[in-house]
Amino acid sequence: MARNSFFCVDAHTCGNPVRVVAGGAPMLPNVSMAEKREIFMRDHDWVRRALMFEPRGHDVMSGSILYPPSRDDCDIGVLFIEVSGCLPMCGHGTIGTVTVAIEEGFVMPRQEGRIAIEAPAGKIMIEYTRTGQYVDQVRLFNIASYLHATDVALEVPELGTLTVDLAYGGNYYVIIEPQANWAGLDAMSADQILRLSPLVRRAAETKLEPAHPEDGRISGVSHVMWCDKPRNPVAHARNAVFYGDKAIDRSPCGTGSSARMAQLVAKGRLSVGEEFVHESIIGTLFHCRVEATSTVGNHAAILPSVAGWARVIGHNTIYVDDRDPLVHGFQLS
């Protein structure tokens, strides 16, 4: 019998949880974070399930694990974990992780106001501002994001035909805007989002089966984004992002905001250099920007940035004990 101990710093980014694992994570070889992700998923996924699922986590739990970077040009390596799996990239997770790492002294910036993290999706440059010991804002310069498929007709139970786009911003997102068979977020309850999103995701995955043109390890439809007009007068759009089996992102979603900007640029509704303020389901905001154009394989792409805030809410030593019948967590079906 064994009892594993994990030192975590719990935080939230604009309302969505970020549990940063700073001690007790499994030792992994000195390979890239993309390769670490593969090894972690193959050999150590019990750590994610134990820390993210009930009774130690919950249906919306999200987090990260800190590792030394494998690249000399990065300050820290990060694996992103949540109820849905071990992600290539996570925007709200990056903002929360960077806030925790700086405020708790887990990373010493080479230059004040700037660090670089190594994520499985690649190198992510970070700019931050702080007052004393507290970080006020983190801006991440995300990986190249692109529109993968446009105006795709999906047959979805209960809704009928939906016309959707599929875009990549670190994960693949089905993007749904108001149309004949969907009136928008104001006409949709949280329970409906939780019930209908898996049906949309399944239909999109079956029809599209996306894989990243430059890294086949990144594949599959993982998130569903329901889009609508903003309520906040400073915002340009509002969204509710579904992930996992029963999770709605409380933040505006960082990789989702990147995917959304890629979609809007590809459709001529947003331009390079323009600001894009994204509102979440609870009214919190990410201040985003289209920084430049790029390419992903043969696809035209953008380089987006996403800025938001996070708050540390506590230190948490979590025990995962083999004597516990629920040692690896559970989810209610």
C-alpha atoms as a PDB file:
ATOM      1  CA  MET A   1       0.000   0.000   0.000  1.00  0.00           C
ATOM      2  CA  ALA A   2       1.184   3.541  -0.752  1.00  0.00           C
ATOM      3  CA  ARG A   3       0.044   7.078  -0.114  1.00  0.00           C
ATOM      4  CA  ASN A   4       1.082   9.662  -2.697  1.00  0.00           C
ATOM      5  CA  SER A   5       1.227  13.306  -1.648  1.00  0.00           C
ATOM      6  CA  PHE A   6       0.733  16.212  -4.056  1.00  0.00           C
ATOM      7  CA  PHE A   7       1.399  19.844  -3.157  1.00  0.00           C
ATOM      8  CA  CYS A   8      -1.003  22.008  -5.119  1.00  0.00           C
ATOM      9  CA  VAL A   9      -1.715  25.717  -5.325  1.00  0.00           C
ATOM     10  CA  ASP A  10      -5.357  26.267  -6.192  1.00  0.00           C
ATOM     11  CA  ALA A  11      -6.359  29.318  -8.206  1.00  0.00           C
ATOM     12  CA  HIS A  12      -8.993  30.442 -10.678  1.00  0.00           C
ATOM     13  CA  THR A  13      -8.755  32.366 -13.928  1.00  0.00           C
ATOM     14  CA  CYS A  14     -11.764  34.627 -14.435  1.00  0.00           C
ATOM     15  CA  GLY A  15     -13.877  32.065 -12.591  1.00  0.00           C
ATOM     16  CA  ASN A  16     -12.516  28.760 -13.962  1.00  0.00           C
ATOM     17  CA  PRO A  17     -10.374  26.602 -11.663  1.00  0.00           C
ATOM     18  CA  VAL A  18      -6.641  26.026 -12.064  1.00  0.00           C
ATOM     19  CA  ARG A  19      -5.061  23.503  -9.691  1.00  0.00           C
ATOM     20  CA  VAL A  20      -1.281  23.867 -10.111  1.00  0.00           C
ATOM     21  CA  VAL A  21       0.636  20.745  -9.062  1.00  0.00           C
ATOM     22  CA  ALA A  22       4.004  22.001  -7.803  1.00  0.00           C
ATOM     23  CA  GLY A  23       5.176  18.904  -5.926  1.00  0.00           C
ATOM     24  CA  GLY A  24       4.690  15.136  -6.016  1.00  0.00           C
ATOM     25  CA  ALA A  25       4.159  14.697  -9.771  1.00  0.00           C
ATOM     26  CA  PRO A  26       5.758  11.676 -11.451  1.00  0.00           C
ATOM     27  CA  MET A  27       9.316  12.070 -12.684  1.00  0.00           C
ATOM     28  CA  LEU A  28       9.451  12.195 -16.486  1.00  0.00           C
ATOM     29  CA  PRO A  29      12.488  11.991 -18.798  1.00  0.00           C
ATOM     30  CA  ASN A  30      14.156  15.108 -20.215  1.00  0.00           C
ATOM     31  CA  VAL A  31      12.245  15.137 -23.473  1.00  0.00           C
ATOM     32  CA  SER A  32       9.971  17.757 -25.020  1.00  0.00           C
ATOM     33  CA  MET A  33       6.699  18.587 -23.286  1.00  0.00           C
ATOM     34  CA  ALA A  34       4.879  17.049 -26.265  1.00  0.00           C
ATOM     35  CA  GLU A  35       6.690  13.772 -25.577  1.00  0.00           C
ATOM     36  CA  LYS A  36       6.150  14.152 -21.817  1.00  0.00           C
ATOM     37  CA  ARG A  37       2.425  14.461 -22.524  1.00  0.00           C
ATOM     38  CA  GLU A  38       2.451  11.160 -24.410  1.00  0.00           C
ATOM     39  CA  ILE A  39       4.346   9.408 -21.605  1.00  0.00           C
ATOM     40  CA  PHE A  40       2.099  10.915 -18.933  1.00  0.00           C
ATOM     41  CA  MET A  41      -1.087   9.849 -20.716  1.00  0.00           C
ATOM     42  CA  ARG A  42       0.274   6.329 -21.242  1.00  0.00           C
ATOM     43  CA  ASP A  43       1.783   5.673 -17.808  1.00  0.00           C
ATOM     44  CA  HIS A  44       0.503   8.208 -15.276  1.00  0.00           C
ATOM     45  CA  ASP A  45      -3.025   9.234 -16.194  1.00  0.00           C
ATOM     46  CA  TRP A  46      -4.175   8.037 -12.771  1.00  0.00           C
ATOM     47  CA  VAL A  47      -2.623  11.247 -11.380  1.00  0.00           C
ATOM     48  CA  ARG A  48      -4.914  13.380 -13.560  1.00  0.00           C
ATOM     49  CA  ARG A  49      -7.974  11.326 -12.687  1.00  0.00           C
ATOM     50  CA  ALA A  50      -7.199  11.354  -8.948  1.00  0.00           C
ATOM     51  CA  LEU A  51      -6.644  15.131  -8.818  1.00  0.00           C
ATOM     52  CA  MET A  52      -9.336  16.254 -11.272  1.00  0.00           C
ATOM     53  CA  PHE A  53     -12.274  13.894 -10.623  1.00  0.00           C
ATOM     54  CA  GLU A  54     -14.379  13.647  -7.487  1.00  0.00           C
ATOM     55  CA  PRO A  55     -13.866  13.339  -4.541  1.00  0.00           C
ATOM     56  CA  ARG A  56     -10.703  15.508  -4.810  1.00  0.00           C
ATOM     57  CA  GLY A  57     -11.933  17.496  -7.792  1.00  0.00           C
ATOM     58  CA  HIS A  58     -15.233  18.061  -9.584  1.00  0.00           C
ATOM     59  CA  ASP A  59     -16.858  18.098 -13.022  1.00  0.00           C
ATOM     60  CA  VAL A  60     -15.261  21.428 -14.044  1.00  0.00           C
ATOM     61  CA  MET A  61     -11.822  20.872 -12.500  1.00  0.00           C
ATOM     62  CA  SER A  62      -8.799  21.948 -14.517  1.00  0.00           C
ATOM     63  CA  GLY A  63      -5.138  22.246 -13.648  1.00  0.00           C
ATOM     64  CA  SER A  64      -1.507  21.965 -14.606  1.00  0.00           C
ATOM     65  CA  ILE A  65       1.688  20.213 -13.577  1.00  0.00           C
ATOM     66  CA  LEU A  66       5.007  22.069 -13.447  1.00  0.00           C
ATOM     67  CA  TYR A  67       8.153  20.508 -14.934  1.00  0.00           C
ATOM     68  CA  PRO A  68      11.611  21.766 -15.885  1.00  0.00           C
ATOM     69  CA  PRO A  69      11.597  22.831 -19.549  1.00  0.00           C
ATOM     70  CA  SER A  70      13.469  20.795 -22.140  1.00  0.00           C
ATOM     71  CA  ARG A  71      14.226  23.964 -24.140  1.00  0.00           C
ATOM     72  CA  ASP A  72      16.877  26.511 -23.194  1.00  0.00           C
ATOM     73  CA  ASP A  73      14.638  29.341 -24.385  1.00  0.00           C
ATOM     74  CA  CYS A  74      11.829  28.495 -21.937  1.00  0.00           C
ATOM     75  CA  ASP A  75      11.606  29.194 -18.209  1.00  0.00           C
ATOM     76  CA  ILE A  76       9.237  26.420 -17.176  1.00  0.00           C
ATOM     77  CA  GLY A  77       7.447  23.399 -18.634  1.00  0.00           C
ATOM     78  CA  VAL A  78       3.727  22.836 -18.172  1.00  0.00           C
ATOM     79  CA  LEU A  79       1.421  19.870 -18.651  1.00  0.00           C
ATOM     80  CA  PHE A  80      -2.260  20.800 -18.742  1.00  0.00           C
ATOM     81  CA  ILE A  81      -4.686  18.410 -17.064  1.00  0.00           C
ATOM     82  CA  GLU A  82      -8.446  18.574 -16.741  1.00  0.00           C
ATOM     83  CA  VAL A  83     -11.463  16.310 -16.523  1.00  0.00           C
ATOM     84  CA  SER A  84     -11.363  15.802 -20.315  1.00  0.00           C
ATOM     85  CA  GLY A  85      -7.725  14.673 -20.503  1.00  0.00           C
ATOM     86  CA  CYS A  86      -4.184  15.985 -20.820  1.00  0.00           C
ATOM     87  CA  LEU A  87      -4.428  18.927 -23.231  1.00  0.00           C
ATOM     88  CA  PRO A  88      -1.891  20.189 -25.777  1.00  0.00           C
ATOM     89  CA  MET A  89      -2.604  23.754 -24.648  1.00  0.00           C
ATOM     90  CA  CYS A  90      -4.894  25.617 -22.246  1.00  0.00           C
ATOM     91  CA  GLY A  91      -5.306  29.389 -22.236  1.00  0.00           C
ATOM     92  CA  HIS A  92      -7.041  29.970 -18.913  1.00  0.00           C
ATOM     93  CA  GLY A  93      -4.706  27.323 -17.461  1.00  0.00           C
ATOM     94  CA  THR A  94      -1.684  29.272 -18.713  1.00  0.00           C
ATOM     95  CA  ILE A  95      -2.908  32.531 -17.160  1.00  0.00           C
ATOM     96  CA  GLY A  96      -3.569  30.810 -13.848  1.00  0.00           C
ATOM     97  CA  THR A  97      -0.343  28.793 -13.904  1.00  0.00           C
ATOM     98  CA  VAL A  98       1.835  31.808 -14.676  1.00  0.00           C
ATOM     99  CA  THR A  99       0.128  33.820 -11.934  1.00  0.00           C
ATOM    100  CA  VAL A 100       0.746  31.026  -9.422  1.00  0.00           C
ATOM    101  CA  ALA A 101       4.334  30.388 -10.571  1.00  0.00           C
ATOM    102  CA  ILE A 102       5.344  34.043 -10.230  1.00  0.00           C
ATOM    103  CA  GLU A 103       3.471  34.842  -7.022  1.00  0.00           C
ATOM    104  CA  GLU A 104       4.640  31.650  -5.303  1.00  0.00           C
ATOM    105  CA  GLY A 105       8.242  31.943  -6.539  1.00  0.00           C
ATOM    106  CA  PHE A 106       8.238  28.751  -8.622  1.00  0.00           C
ATOM    107  CA  VAL A 107       9.859  30.603 -11.519  1.00  0.00           C
ATOM    108  CA  MET A 108      12.395  33.435 -11.507  1.00  0.00           C
ATOM    109  CA  PRO A 109      11.920  35.553 -14.639  1.00  0.00           C
ATOM    110  CA  ARG A 110      15.102  36.336 -16.539  1.00  0.00           C
ATOM    111  CA  GLN A 111      13.476  39.631 -17.485  1.00  0.00           C
ATOM    112  CA  GLU A 112      10.784  41.231 -15.334  1.00  0.00           C
ATOM    113  CA  GLY A 113       7.440  41.173 -17.100  1.00  0.00           C
ATOM    114  CA  ARG A 114       8.312  38.352 -19.520  1.00  0.00           C
ATOM    115  CA  ILE A 115       8.720  34.580 -19.351  1.00  0.00           C
ATOM    116  CA  ALA A 116       8.362  31.703 -21.802  1.00  0.00           C
ATOM    117  CA  ILE A 117       6.660  28.414 -21.051  1.00  0.00           C
ATOM    118  CA  GLU A 118       7.073  25.135 -22.878  1.00  0.00           C
ATOM    119  CA  ALA A 119       3.655  23.571 -23.466  1.00  0.00           C
ATOM    120  CA  PRO A 120       2.950  20.359 -25.387  1.00  0.00           C
ATOM    121  CA  ALA A 121       1.657  22.554 -28.233  1.00  0.00           C
ATOM    122  CA  GLY A 122       4.928  24.532 -28.357  1.00  0.00           C
ATOM    123  CA  LYS A 123       6.680  27.576 -26.937  1.00  0.00           C
ATOM    124  CA  ILE A 124       4.338  30.188 -25.474  1.00  0.00           C
ATOM    125  CA  MET A 125       5.638  33.690 -24.808  1.00  0.00           C
ATOM    126  CA  ILE A 126       4.151  35.460 -21.803  1.00  0.00           C
ATOM    127  CA  GLU A 127       3.935  39.107 -20.774  1.00  0.00           C
ATOM    128  CA  TYR A 128       2.650  39.981 -17.320  1.00  0.00           C
ATOM    129  CA  THR A 129       2.183  42.992 -15.095  1.00  0.00           C
ATOM    130  CA  ARG A 130       2.244  42.969 -11.324  1.00  0.00           C
ATOM    131  CA  THR A 131       1.888  45.230  -8.332  1.00  0.00           C
ATOM    132  CA  GLY A 132       4.294  44.156  -5.607  1.00  0.00           C
ATOM    133  CA  GLN A 133       4.026  40.396  -5.259  1.00  0.00           C
ATOM    134  CA  TYR A 134       0.643  40.147  -6.998  1.00  0.00           C
ATOM    135  CA  VAL A 135       0.186  39.561 -10.727  1.00  0.00           C
ATOM    136  CA  ASP A 136      -2.447  41.856 -12.217  1.00  0.00           C
ATOM    137  CA  GLN A 137      -2.641  40.491 -15.751  1.00  0.00           C
ATOM    138  CA  VAL A 138      -1.081  37.795 -17.921  1.00  0.00           C
ATOM    139  CA  ARG A 139      -1.001  37.975 -21.716  1.00  0.00           C
ATOM    140  CA  LEU A 140      -0.111  34.787 -23.557  1.00  0.00           C
ATOM    141  CA  PHE A 141       1.007  34.782 -27.169  1.00  0.00           C
ATOM    142  CA  ASN A 142      -0.563  31.593 -28.381  1.00  0.00           C
ATOM    143  CA  ILE A 143       0.474  29.126 -31.050  1.00  0.00           C
ATOM    144  CA  ALA A 144      -0.700  29.534 -34.644  1.00  0.00           C
ATOM    145  CA  SER A 145      -4.475  29.105 -34.837  1.00  0.00           C
ATOM    146  CA  TYR A 146      -6.530  28.378 -37.923  1.00  0.00           C
ATOM    147  CA  LEU A 147      -9.962  27.653 -39.356  1.00  0.00           C
ATOM    148  CA  HIS A 148     -10.010  23.929 -40.136  1.00  0.00           C
ATOM    149  CA  ALA A 149     -13.456  23.574 -41.756  1.00  0.00           C
ATOM    150  CA  THR A 150     -16.221  26.047 -42.522  1.00  0.00           C
ATOM    151  CA  ASP A 151     -19.989  25.931 -43.009  1.00  0.00           C
ATOM    152  CA  VAL A 152     -20.253  22.261 -42.118  1.00  0.00           C
ATOM    153  CA  ALA A 153     -23.790  20.872 -41.859  1.00  0.00           C
ATOM    154  CA  LEU A 154     -24.255  18.599 -38.850  1.00  0.00           C
ATOM    155  CA  GLU A 155     -27.344  16.568 -38.041  1.00  0.00           C
ATOM    156  CA  VAL A 156     -27.780  16.875 -34.297  1.00  0.00           C
ATOM    157  CA  PRO A 157     -30.487  15.077 -32.303  1.00  0.00           C
ATOM    158  CA  GLU A 158     -33.033  17.491 -30.745  1.00  0.00           C
ATOM    159  CA  LEU A 159     -31.703  20.411 -32.839  1.00  0.00           C
ATOM    160  CA  GLY A 160     -31.804  19.176 -36.427  1.00  0.00           C
ATOM    161  CA  THR A 161     -29.354  20.647 -38.939  1.00  0.00           C
ATOM    162  CA  LEU A 162     -26.716  22.990 -37.524  1.00  0.00           C
ATOM    163  CA  THR A 163     -24.207  24.863 -39.661  1.00  0.00           C
ATOM    164  CA  VAL A 164     -20.908  25.063 -37.781  1.00  0.00           C
ATOM    165  CA  ASP A 165     -17.249  25.885 -38.213  1.00  0.00           C
ATOM    166  CA  LEU A 166     -14.309  23.961 -36.765  1.00  0.00           C
ATOM    167  CA  ALA A 167     -11.249  25.951 -35.666  1.00  0.00           C
ATOM    168  CA  TYR A 168      -8.019  25.225 -33.822  1.00  0.00           C
ATOM    169  CA  GLY A 169      -6.499  27.419 -31.123  1.00  0.00           C
ATOM    170  CA  GLY A 170      -4.547  24.789 -29.199  1.00  0.00           C
ATOM    171  CA  ASN A 171      -7.541  22.423 -29.175  1.00  0.00           C
ATOM    172  CA  TYR A 172     -10.233  21.855 -31.795  1.00  0.00           C
ATOM    173  CA  TYR A 173     -13.507  23.753 -31.309  1.00  0.00           C
ATOM    174  CA  VAL A 174     -16.889  23.343 -32.928  1.00  0.00           C
ATOM    175  CA  ILE A 175     -18.124  26.941 -33.248  1.00  0.00           C
ATOM    176  CA  ILE A 176     -21.881  27.499 -33.325  1.00  0.00           C
ATOM    177  CA  GLU A 177     -23.469  30.893 -33.978  1.00  0.00           C
ATOM    178  CA  PRO A 178     -27.199  31.750 -33.776  1.00  0.00           C
ATOM    179  CA  GLN A 179     -29.170  30.330 -36.705  1.00  0.00           C
ATOM    180  CA  ALA A 180     -32.562  28.889 -37.609  1.00  0.00           C
ATOM    181  CA  ASN A 181     -32.309  25.860 -35.339  1.00  0.00           C
ATOM    182  CA  TRP A 182     -30.502  27.575 -32.474  1.00  0.00           C
ATOM    183  CA  ALA A 183     -31.722  30.910 -31.143  1.00  0.00           C
ATOM    184  CA  GLY A 184     -28.614  31.803 -29.118  1.00  0.00           C
ATOM    185  CA  LEU A 185     -27.320  31.725 -25.554  1.00  0.00           C
ATOM    186  CA  ASP A 186     -30.156  33.758 -24.062  1.00  0.00           C
ATOM    187  CA  ALA A 187     -32.565  30.999 -25.067  1.00  0.00           C
ATOM    188  CA  MET A 188     -30.353  28.214 -23.691  1.00  0.00           C
ATOM    189  CA  SER A 189     -29.957  27.043 -20.119  1.00  0.00           C
ATOM    190  CA  ALA A 190     -26.787  25.585 -18.622  1.00  0.00           C
ATOM    191  CA  ASP A 191     -28.555  22.207 -18.452  1.00  0.00           C
ATOM    192  CA  GLN A 192     -29.247  22.377 -22.187  1.00  0.00           C
ATOM    193  CA  ILE A 193     -25.593  23.188 -22.906  1.00  0.00           C
ATOM    194  CA  LEU A 194     -24.542  20.146 -20.903  1.00  0.00           C
ATOM    195  CA  ARG A 195     -27.079  17.893 -22.640  1.00  0.00           C
ATOM    196  CA  LEU A 196     -26.682  19.065 -26.236  1.00  0.00           C
ATOM    197  CA  SER A 197     -22.929  19.708 -26.464  1.00  0.00           C
ATOM    198  CA  PRO A 198     -21.897  16.022 -26.433  1.00  0.00           C
ATOM    199  CA  LEU A 199     -24.316  15.404 -29.306  1.00  0.00           C
ATOM    200  CA  VAL A 200     -22.758  18.239 -31.329  1.00  0.00           C
ATOM    201  CA  ARG A 201     -19.230  17.082 -30.517  1.00  0.00           C
ATOM    202  CA  ARG A 202     -19.986  13.499 -31.513  1.00  0.00           C
ATOM    203  CA  ALA A 203     -21.523  14.585 -34.817  1.00  0.00           C
ATOM    204  CA  ALA A 204     -18.539  16.852 -35.600  1.00  0.00           C
ATOM    205  CA  GLU A 205     -15.970  14.218 -34.682  1.00  0.00           C
ATOM    206  CA  THR A 206     -17.686  11.586 -36.821  1.00  0.00           C
ATOM    207  CA  LYS A 207     -17.889  13.892 -39.836  1.00  0.00           C
ATOM    208  CA  LEU A 208     -14.562  15.754 -39.606  1.00  0.00           C
ATOM    209  CA  GLU A 209     -12.018  13.656 -37.627  1.00  0.00           C
ATOM    210  CA  PRO A 210      -9.551  16.586 -37.450  1.00  0.00           C
ATOM    211  CA  ALA A 211      -5.820  16.177 -36.943  1.00  0.00           C
ATOM    212  CA  HIS A 212      -3.209  18.913 -36.722  1.00  0.00           C
ATOM    213  CA  PRO A 213      -1.386  19.202 -40.089  1.00  0.00           C
ATOM    214  CA  GLU A 214       2.013  19.496 -38.387  1.00  0.00           C
ATOM    215  CA  ASP A 215       1.549  17.260 -35.328  1.00  0.00           C
ATOM    216  CA  GLY A 216      -0.746  14.270 -35.654  1.00  0.00           C
ATOM    217  CA  ARG A 217      -0.649  13.715 -31.889  1.00  0.00           C
ATOM    218  CA  ILE A 218      -3.064  16.664 -31.656  1.00  0.00           C
ATOM    219  CA  SER A 219      -6.378  15.386 -32.981  1.00  0.00           C
ATOM    220  CA  GLY A 220     -10.070  15.048 -32.319  1.00  0.00           C
ATOM    221  CA  VAL A 221     -12.870  17.448 -31.449  1.00  0.00           C
ATOM    222  CA  SER A 222     -12.611  18.200 -27.745  1.00  0.00           C
ATOM    223  CA  HIS A 223     -14.585  21.428 -27.195  1.00  0.00           C
ATOM    224  CA  VAL A 224     -17.883  22.965 -28.280  1.00  0.00           C
ATOM    225  CA  MET A 225     -18.292  26.762 -28.337  1.00  0.00           C
ATOM    226  CA  TRP A 226     -21.752  28.313 -28.333  1.00  0.00           C
ATOM    227  CA  CYS A 227     -21.429  31.944 -29.468  1.00  0.00           C
ATOM    228  CA  ASP A 228     -23.664  34.978 -29.184  1.00  0.00           C
ATOM    229  CA  LYS A 229     -23.707  38.762 -28.929  1.00  0.00           C
ATOM    230  CA  PRO A 230     -22.123  40.260 -25.786  1.00  0.00           C
ATOM    231  CA  ARG A 231     -23.946  41.660 -22.799  1.00  0.00           C
ATOM    232  CA  ASN A 232     -21.013  43.766 -21.593  1.00  0.00           C
ATOM    233  CA  PRO A 233     -20.726  46.933 -23.719  1.00  0.00           C
ATOM    234  CA  VAL A 234     -16.921  46.663 -23.948  1.00  0.00           C
ATOM    235  CA  ALA A 235     -17.034  43.084 -25.298  1.00  0.00           C
ATOM    236  CA  HIS A 236     -17.287  42.046 -28.943  1.00  0.00           C
ATOM    237  CA  ALA A 237     -18.769  38.578 -28.431  1.00  0.00           C
ATOM    238  CA  ARG A 238     -19.897  36.129 -25.747  1.00  0.00           C
ATOM    239  CA  ASN A 239     -19.466  32.385 -25.483  1.00  0.00           C
ATOM    240  CA  ALA A 240     -20.092  29.256 -23.460  1.00  0.00           C
ATOM    241  CA  VAL A 241     -17.491  26.522 -23.995  1.00  0.00           C
ATOM    242  CA  PHE A 242     -18.264  22.890 -23.168  1.00  0.00           C
ATOM    243  CA  TYR A 243     -15.478  20.416 -22.402  1.00  0.00           C
ATOM    244  CA  GLY A 244     -15.074  17.044 -20.744  1.00  0.00           C
ATOM    245  CA  ASP A 245     -18.304  15.207 -20.008  1.00  0.00           C
ATOM    246  CA  LYS A 246     -20.136  17.824 -17.941  1.00  0.00           C
ATOM    247  CA  ALA A 247     -18.047  21.013 -17.859  1.00  0.00           C
ATOM    248  CA  ILE A 248     -18.835  24.570 -18.983  1.00  0.00           C
ATOM    249  CA  ASP A 249     -15.854  26.922 -18.932  1.00  0.00           C
ATOM    250  CA  ARG A 250     -16.523  29.782 -16.540  1.00  0.00           C
ATOM    251  CA  SER A 251     -13.790  31.872 -18.194  1.00  0.00           C
ATOM    252  CA  PRO A 252     -14.008  33.159 -21.789  1.00  0.00           C
ATOM    253  CA  CYS A 253     -11.629  30.267 -22.702  1.00  0.00           C
ATOM    254  CA  GLY A 254      -8.151  31.089 -23.982  1.00  0.00           C
ATOM    255  CA  THR A 255      -7.614  28.480 -26.686  1.00  0.00           C
ATOM    256  CA  GLY A 256     -11.280  28.916 -27.588  1.00  0.00           C
ATOM    257  CA  SER A 257     -10.819  32.670 -27.973  1.00  0.00           C
ATOM    258  CA  SER A 258      -7.812  31.937 -30.209  1.00  0.00           C
ATOM    259  CA  ALA A 259      -9.883  29.556 -32.322  1.00  0.00           C
ATOM    260  CA  ARG A 260     -12.704  32.085 -32.505  1.00  0.00           C
ATOM    261  CA  MET A 261     -10.376  34.844 -33.707  1.00  0.00           C
ATOM    262  CA  ALA A 262      -8.939  32.493 -36.343  1.00  0.00           C
ATOM    263  CA  GLN A 263     -12.461  31.781 -37.557  1.00  0.00           C
ATOM    264  CA  LEU A 264     -13.416  35.477 -37.652  1.00  0.00           C
ATOM    265  CA  VAL A 265     -10.242  36.491 -39.504  1.00  0.00           C
ATOM    266  CA  ALA A 266     -10.682  33.702 -42.060  1.00  0.00           C
ATOM    267  CA  LYS A 267     -14.232  34.910 -42.688  1.00  0.00           C
ATOM    268  CA  GLY A 268     -13.215  38.566 -43.030  1.00  0.00           C
ATOM    269  CA  ARG A 269     -14.927  39.691 -39.819  1.00  0.00           C
ATOM    270  CA  LEU A 270     -11.738  40.548 -37.891  1.00  0.00           C
ATOM    271  CA  SER A 271      -8.383  41.932 -39.035  1.00  0.00           C
ATOM    272  CA  VAL A 272      -4.751  41.644 -38.008  1.00  0.00           C
ATOM    273  CA  GLY A 273      -3.993  44.118 -35.229  1.00  0.00           C
ATOM    274  CA  GLU A 274      -7.595  44.333 -34.055  1.00  0.00           C
ATOM    275  CA  GLU A 275      -8.650  43.832 -30.448  1.00  0.00           C
ATOM    276  CA  PHE A 276     -11.226  41.186 -29.605  1.00  0.00           C
ATOM    277  CA  VAL A 277     -12.798  41.272 -26.133  1.00  0.00           C
ATOM    278  CA  HIS A 278     -14.457  37.963 -25.317  1.00  0.00           C
ATOM    279  CA  GLU A 279     -17.114  37.595 -22.609  1.00  0.00           C
ATOM    280  CA  SER A 280     -17.696  34.391 -20.647  1.00  0.00           C
ATOM    281  CA  ILE A 281     -20.933  32.762 -19.537  1.00  0.00           C
ATOM    282  CA  ILE A 282     -20.530  34.467 -16.129  1.00  0.00           C
ATOM    283  CA  GLY A 283     -19.550  37.863 -17.574  1.00  0.00           C
ATOM    284  CA  THR A 284     -15.763  37.822 -17.079  1.00  0.00           C
ATOM    285  CA  LEU A 285     -13.589  39.101 -19.930  1.00  0.00           C
ATOM    286  CA  PHE A 286     -10.464  38.162 -21.883  1.00  0.00           C
ATOM    287  CA  HIS A 287      -8.776  40.986 -23.814  1.00  0.00           C
ATOM    288  CA  CYS A 288      -7.508  39.361 -26.991  1.00  0.00           C
ATOM    289  CA  ARG A 289      -5.714  40.548 -30.104  1.00  0.00           C
ATOM    290  CA  VAL A 290      -4.800  39.262 -33.564  1.00  0.00           C
ATOM    291  CA  GLU A 291      -1.034  39.784 -33.535  1.00  0.00           C
ATOM    292  CA  ALA A 292       0.000  38.556 -36.989  1.00  0.00           C
ATOM    293  CA  THR A 293      -0.691  36.113 -39.787  1.00  0.00           C
ATOM    294  CA  SER A 294       0.899  32.686 -40.007  1.00  0.00           C
ATOM    295  CA  THR A 295       0.350  29.259 -41.544  1.00  0.00           C
ATOM    296  CA  VAL A 296      -0.471  25.795 -40.220  1.00  0.00           C
ATOM    297  CA  GLY A 297       0.370  23.249 -42.881  1.00  0.00           C
ATOM    298  CA  ASN A 298      -1.455  24.487 -45.973  1.00  0.00           C
ATOM    299  CA  HIS A 299      -3.921  26.548 -43.921  1.00  0.00           C
ATOM    300  CA  ALA A 300      -3.786  30.312 -43.497  1.00  0.00           C
ATOM    301  CA  ALA A 301      -3.540  31.041 -39.784  1.00  0.00           C
ATOM    302  CA  ILE A 302      -3.144  33.783 -37.208  1.00  0.00           C
ATOM    303  CA  LEU A 303      -0.948  34.386 -34.190  1.00  0.00           C
ATOM    304  CA  PRO A 304      -3.354  35.396 -31.395  1.00  0.00           C
ATOM    305  CA  SER A 305      -2.774  36.774 -27.916  1.00  0.00           C
ATOM    306  CA  VAL A 306      -5.083  36.445 -24.922  1.00  0.00           C
ATOM    307  CA  ALA A 307      -4.946  38.473 -21.704  1.00  0.00           C
ATOM    308  CA  GLY A 308      -6.744  37.872 -18.431  1.00  0.00           C
ATOM    309  CA  TRP A 309      -6.342  37.734 -14.661  1.00  0.00           C
ATOM    310  CA  ALA A 310      -6.176  34.975 -12.063  1.00  0.00           C
ATOM    311  CA  ARG A 311      -6.302  34.778  -8.282  1.00  0.00           C
ATOM    312  CA  VAL A 312      -4.628  32.317  -5.932  1.00  0.00           C
ATOM    313  CA  ILE A 313      -7.219  30.906  -3.527  1.00  0.00           C
ATOM    314  CA  GLY A 314      -5.223  28.502  -1.384  1.00  0.00           C
ATOM    315  CA  HIS A 315      -2.539  25.886  -0.764  1.00  0.00           C
ATOM    316  CA  ASN A 316      -3.673  22.297  -0.862  1.00  0.00           C
ATOM    317  CA  THR A 317      -1.795  19.099   0.049  1.00  0.00           C
ATOM    318  CA  ILE A 318      -3.747  16.242  -1.496  1.00  0.00           C
ATOM    319  CA  TYR A 319      -3.288  12.605  -0.550  1.00  0.00           C
ATOM    320  CA  VAL A 320      -3.975   9.798  -2.987  1.00  0.00           C
ATOM    321  CA  ASP A 321      -4.041   6.682  -0.822  1.00  0.00           C
ATOM    322  CA  ASP A 322      -4.171   3.107  -2.154  1.00  0.00           C
ATOM    323  CA  ARG A 323      -6.361   2.208   0.845  1.00  0.00           C
ATOM    324  CA  ASP A 324      -9.048   4.536  -0.523  1.00  0.00           C
ATOM    325  CA  PRO A 325     -11.622   2.596  -2.612  1.00  0.00           C
ATOM    326  CA  LEU A 326     -11.978   5.799  -4.683  1.00  0.00           C
ATOM    327  CA  VAL A 327      -8.233   6.257  -5.068  1.00  0.00           C
ATOM    328  CA  HIS A 328      -8.448   7.196  -8.766  1.00  0.00           C
ATOM    329  CA  GLY A 329     -11.575   9.280  -8.554  1.00  0.00           C
ATOM    330  CA  PHE A 330     -14.964   8.901 -10.193  1.00  0.00           C
ATOM    331  CA  GLN A 331     -17.489  10.703 -12.354  1.00  0.00           C
ATOM    332  CA  LEU A 332     -21.250  10.348 -12.151  1.00  0.00           C
ATOM    333  CA  SER A 333     -22.734   9.311 -15.477  1.00  0.00           C
END
